[in-house]
Amino acid sequence: MDRFNTKLYLQNCYILKENERLRKKAELLNQENQALLSELKQKLAKSTASSNPKKIPDLNTSPATGGSNKHSS
């Protein structure tokens, strides 16, 4: 029984470590996504302003749902 508990404990430690690694990776990907979205908004605003200065689309809403795509951290 002790051997089984030790095995489960080691598996749990591995899962926790992997979870932390994936959480950090997801955080970095989210930051990269936010930076790319900001860059896209700036480029879109510049191109829209030069062709039609009155209307700039809002990239924070989804046309399908009308809801916000912003994620809280």
C-alpha atoms as a PDB file:
ATOM      1  CA  MET A   1       0.000   0.000   0.000  1.00  0.00           C
ATOM      2  CA  ASP A   2       2.846   2.415   0.797  1.00  0.00           C
ATOM      3  CA  ARG A   3       4.416   1.737  -2.601  1.00  0.00           C
ATOM      4  CA  PHE A   4       1.097   2.515  -4.306  1.00  0.00           C
ATOM      5  CA  ASN A   5       0.719   5.773  -2.324  1.00  0.00           C
ATOM      6  CA  THR A   6       4.260   6.770  -3.221  1.00  0.00           C
ATOM      7  CA  LYS A   7       3.576   6.112  -6.885  1.00  0.00           C
ATOM      8  CA  LEU A   8       0.400   8.211  -6.741  1.00  0.00           C
ATOM      9  CA  TYR A   9       2.245  10.975  -4.910  1.00  0.00           C
ATOM     10  CA  LEU A  10       4.957  11.087  -7.587  1.00  0.00           C
ATOM     11  CA  GLN A  11       2.344  11.130 -10.348  1.00  0.00           C
ATOM     12  CA  ASN A  12       0.581  13.987  -8.595  1.00  0.00           C
ATOM     13  CA  CYS A  13       3.846  15.939  -8.318  1.00  0.00           C
ATOM     14  CA  TYR A  14       4.479  15.435 -12.025  1.00  0.00           C
ATOM     15  CA  ILE A  15       0.943  16.568 -12.913  1.00  0.00           C
ATOM     16  CA  LEU A  16       1.270  19.671 -10.736  1.00  0.00           C
ATOM     17  CA  LYS A  17       4.607  20.556 -12.361  1.00  0.00           C
ATOM     18  CA  GLU A  18       3.198  20.021 -15.857  1.00  0.00           C
ATOM     19  CA  ASN A  19       0.124  22.090 -14.979  1.00  0.00           C
ATOM     20  CA  GLU A  20       2.318  24.984 -13.850  1.00  0.00           C
ATOM     21  CA  ARG A  21       4.388  24.752 -17.049  1.00  0.00           C
ATOM     22  CA  LEU A  22       1.241  24.800 -19.185  1.00  0.00           C
ATOM     23  CA  ARG A  23      -0.240  27.687 -17.176  1.00  0.00           C
ATOM     24  CA  LYS A  24       2.884  29.769 -17.801  1.00  0.00           C
ATOM     25  CA  LYS A  25       2.824  28.879 -21.501  1.00  0.00           C
ATOM     26  CA  ALA A  26      -0.849  29.860 -21.747  1.00  0.00           C
ATOM     27  CA  GLU A  27      -0.089  33.165 -20.029  1.00  0.00           C
ATOM     28  CA  LEU A  28       2.703  33.922 -22.517  1.00  0.00           C
ATOM     29  CA  LEU A  29       0.477  33.000 -25.456  1.00  0.00           C
ATOM     30  CA  ASN A  30      -2.265  35.251 -24.102  1.00  0.00           C
ATOM     31  CA  GLN A  31       0.186  38.157 -23.788  1.00  0.00           C
ATOM     32  CA  GLU A  32       1.383  37.564 -27.343  1.00  0.00           C
ATOM     33  CA  ASN A  33      -2.216  37.427 -28.550  1.00  0.00           C
ATOM     34  CA  GLN A  34      -3.036  40.719 -26.810  1.00  0.00           C
ATOM     35  CA  ALA A  35       0.020  42.391 -28.370  1.00  0.00           C
ATOM     36  CA  LEU A  36      -0.918  41.128 -31.840  1.00  0.00           C
ATOM     37  CA  LEU A  37      -4.518  42.260 -31.367  1.00  0.00           C
ATOM     38  CA  SER A  38      -3.324  45.711 -30.333  1.00  0.00           C
ATOM     39  CA  GLU A  39      -1.054  45.890 -33.384  1.00  0.00           C
ATOM     40  CA  LEU A  40      -3.912  44.793 -35.630  1.00  0.00           C
ATOM     41  CA  LYS A  41      -6.224  47.422 -34.137  1.00  0.00           C
ATOM     42  CA  GLN A  42      -3.624  50.140 -34.753  1.00  0.00           C
ATOM     43  CA  LYS A  43      -3.117  49.075 -38.368  1.00  0.00           C
ATOM     44  CA  LEU A  44      -6.841  48.781 -38.951  1.00  0.00           C
ATOM     45  CA  ALA A  45      -7.472  52.183 -37.378  1.00  0.00           C
ATOM     46  CA  LYS A  46      -4.823  53.761 -39.603  1.00  0.00           C
ATOM     47  CA  SER A  47      -6.181  52.182 -42.785  1.00  0.00           C
ATOM     48  CA  THR A  48      -9.787  52.954 -41.826  1.00  0.00           C
ATOM     49  CA  ALA A  49      -8.946  56.522 -40.862  1.00  0.00           C
ATOM     50  CA  SER A  50      -7.292  57.136 -44.212  1.00  0.00           C
ATOM     51  CA  SER A  51     -10.247  55.740 -46.201  1.00  0.00           C
ATOM     52  CA  ASN A  52     -13.197  56.551 -43.897  1.00  0.00           C
ATOM     53  CA  PRO A  53     -12.359  58.684 -40.855  1.00  0.00           C
ATOM     54  CA  LYS A  54     -15.861  58.433 -39.349  1.00  0.00           C
ATOM     55  CA  LYS A  55     -16.177  54.713 -38.491  1.00  0.00           C
ATOM     56  CA  ILE A  56     -13.656  52.415 -36.750  1.00  0.00           C
ATOM     57  CA  PRO A  57     -14.858  48.837 -36.117  1.00  0.00           C
ATOM     58  CA  ASP A  58     -14.752  47.475 -32.575  1.00  0.00           C
ATOM     59  CA  LEU A  59     -12.634  44.293 -32.520  1.00  0.00           C
ATOM     60  CA  ASN A  60     -13.625  43.532 -28.911  1.00  0.00           C
ATOM     61  CA  THR A  61     -17.075  42.268 -29.881  1.00  0.00           C
ATOM     62  CA  SER A  62     -17.942  39.116 -31.719  1.00  0.00           C
ATOM     63  CA  PRO A  63     -20.361  39.545 -34.626  1.00  0.00           C
ATOM     64  CA  ALA A  64     -21.866  36.107 -33.963  1.00  0.00           C
ATOM     65  CA  THR A  65     -22.727  36.729 -30.323  1.00  0.00           C
ATOM     66  CA  GLY A  66     -22.485  40.473 -29.928  1.00  0.00           C
ATOM     67  CA  GLY A  67     -20.571  39.746 -26.731  1.00  0.00           C
ATOM     68  CA  SER A  68     -17.136  40.705 -25.605  1.00  0.00           C
ATOM     69  CA  ASN A  69     -14.078  38.610 -26.432  1.00  0.00           C
ATOM     70  CA  LYS A  70     -11.982  40.111 -23.628  1.00  0.00           C
ATOM     71  CA  HIS A  71     -10.598  37.625 -21.103  1.00  0.00           C
ATOM     72  CA  SER A  72      -9.947  38.457 -17.482  1.00  0.00           C
ATOM     73  CA  SER A  73      -6.699  37.348 -15.904  1.00  0.00           C
END
